[in-house]
Amino acid sequence: MLAYNGPMNLDIASQAFNLKQVQTQASAQFAVIKKQQEMDKMLIEMVDAVSKSAPLPPGMGTRVDKTA
């Protein structure tokens, strides 16, 4: 026959609830960090594309002047 063990069960239940809450919070933080990293990567790719498509300044051609 099992005896009533109320406080012990409540303590285990509250620990399980707290663990689930911490797991949910960690998952949310991970998702935010991942999204932030994706946005940073997109920004870097955008800046890289713009810098590659910009025209070269005068004097910075594609030929080497061997007479200089």
C-alpha atoms as a PDB file:
ATOM      1  CA  MET A   1       0.000   0.000   0.000  1.00  0.00           C
ATOM      2  CA  LEU A   2       1.344   3.411  -1.008  1.00  0.00           C
ATOM      3  CA  ALA A   3       1.306   6.206   1.505  1.00  0.00           C
ATOM      4  CA  TYR A   4       0.468   9.804   0.634  1.00  0.00           C
ATOM      5  CA  ASN A   5       3.630  11.703  -0.023  1.00  0.00           C
ATOM      6  CA  GLY A   6       2.274  15.103  -1.014  1.00  0.00           C
ATOM      7  CA  PRO A   7       5.228  17.476  -0.440  1.00  0.00           C
ATOM      8  CA  MET A   8       7.666  15.108  -2.159  1.00  0.00           C
ATOM      9  CA  ASN A   9       5.433  14.809  -5.234  1.00  0.00           C
ATOM     10  CA  LEU A  10       4.932  18.554  -5.300  1.00  0.00           C
ATOM     11  CA  ASP A  11       8.678  19.126  -5.127  1.00  0.00           C
ATOM     12  CA  ILE A  12       9.311  16.724  -8.034  1.00  0.00           C
ATOM     13  CA  ALA A  13       6.522  18.324 -10.034  1.00  0.00           C
ATOM     14  CA  SER A  14       7.885  21.816  -9.440  1.00  0.00           C
ATOM     15  CA  GLN A  15      11.380  20.659 -10.404  1.00  0.00           C
ATOM     16  CA  ALA A  16      10.020  19.146 -13.619  1.00  0.00           C
ATOM     17  CA  PHE A  17       8.117  22.354 -14.357  1.00  0.00           C
ATOM     18  CA  ASN A  18      11.219  24.485 -13.721  1.00  0.00           C
ATOM     19  CA  LEU A  19      13.327  22.226 -15.942  1.00  0.00           C
ATOM     20  CA  LYS A  20      10.811  22.514 -18.775  1.00  0.00           C
ATOM     21  CA  GLN A  21      10.740  26.287 -18.331  1.00  0.00           C
ATOM     22  CA  VAL A  22      14.552  26.480 -18.532  1.00  0.00           C
ATOM     23  CA  GLN A  23      14.550  24.269 -21.643  1.00  0.00           C
ATOM     24  CA  THR A  24      11.960  26.492 -23.311  1.00  0.00           C
ATOM     25  CA  GLN A  25      13.919  29.628 -22.442  1.00  0.00           C
ATOM     26  CA  ALA A  26      17.150  28.103 -23.797  1.00  0.00           C
ATOM     27  CA  SER A  27      15.393  27.097 -27.021  1.00  0.00           C
ATOM     28  CA  ALA A  28      14.054  30.618 -27.475  1.00  0.00           C
ATOM     29  CA  GLN A  29      17.478  32.146 -26.857  1.00  0.00           C
ATOM     30  CA  PHE A  30      19.033  29.729 -29.344  1.00  0.00           C
ATOM     31  CA  ALA A  31      16.433  30.655 -31.968  1.00  0.00           C
ATOM     32  CA  VAL A  32      17.105  34.380 -31.463  1.00  0.00           C
ATOM     33  CA  ILE A  33      20.876  33.907 -31.714  1.00  0.00           C
ATOM     34  CA  LYS A  34      20.495  31.778 -34.850  1.00  0.00           C
ATOM     35  CA  LYS A  35      18.247  34.378 -36.501  1.00  0.00           C
ATOM     36  CA  GLN A  36      20.674  37.155 -35.552  1.00  0.00           C
ATOM     37  CA  GLN A  37      23.560  35.192 -37.084  1.00  0.00           C
ATOM     38  CA  GLU A  38      21.553  34.686 -40.295  1.00  0.00           C
ATOM     39  CA  MET A  39      20.808  38.418 -40.484  1.00  0.00           C
ATOM     40  CA  ASP A  40      24.492  39.277 -39.906  1.00  0.00           C
ATOM     41  CA  LYS A  41      25.483  36.873 -42.685  1.00  0.00           C
ATOM     42  CA  MET A  42      22.948  38.441 -45.069  1.00  0.00           C
ATOM     43  CA  LEU A  43      24.296  41.921 -44.271  1.00  0.00           C
ATOM     44  CA  ILE A  44      27.875  40.800 -44.931  1.00  0.00           C
ATOM     45  CA  GLU A  45      26.840  39.193 -48.234  1.00  0.00           C
ATOM     46  CA  MET A  46      25.020  42.397 -49.246  1.00  0.00           C
ATOM     47  CA  VAL A  47      28.014  44.605 -48.461  1.00  0.00           C
ATOM     48  CA  ASP A  48      30.304  42.167 -50.296  1.00  0.00           C
ATOM     49  CA  ALA A  49      28.065  42.182 -53.388  1.00  0.00           C
ATOM     50  CA  VAL A  50      27.926  45.986 -53.451  1.00  0.00           C
ATOM     51  CA  SER A  51      31.693  46.290 -53.067  1.00  0.00           C
ATOM     52  CA  LYS A  52      32.283  43.836 -55.921  1.00  0.00           C
ATOM     53  CA  SER A  53      29.847  45.612 -58.254  1.00  0.00           C
ATOM     54  CA  ALA A  54      31.189  49.119 -57.634  1.00  0.00           C
ATOM     55  CA  PRO A  55      33.233  50.576 -60.491  1.00  0.00           C
ATOM     56  CA  LEU A  56      36.968  50.836 -59.971  1.00  0.00           C
ATOM     57  CA  PRO A  57      38.262  54.313 -59.120  1.00  0.00           C
ATOM     58  CA  PRO A  58      40.379  56.145 -61.712  1.00  0.00           C
ATOM     59  CA  GLY A  59      43.885  54.747 -61.915  1.00  0.00           C
ATOM     60  CA  MET A  60      42.833  51.339 -60.668  1.00  0.00           C
ATOM     61  CA  GLY A  61      42.338  49.603 -63.995  1.00  0.00           C
ATOM     62  CA  THR A  62      42.785  46.035 -64.986  1.00  0.00           C
ATOM     63  CA  ARG A  63      46.064  46.597 -66.843  1.00  0.00           C
ATOM     64  CA  VAL A  64      49.525  46.925 -65.363  1.00  0.00           C
ATOM     65  CA  ASP A  65      51.522  49.927 -66.599  1.00  0.00           C
ATOM     66  CA  LYS A  66      55.001  48.516 -66.963  1.00  0.00           C
ATOM     67  CA  THR A  67      56.413  51.901 -67.950  1.00  0.00           C
ATOM     68  CA  ALA A  68      55.750  53.411 -64.538  1.00  0.00           C
END
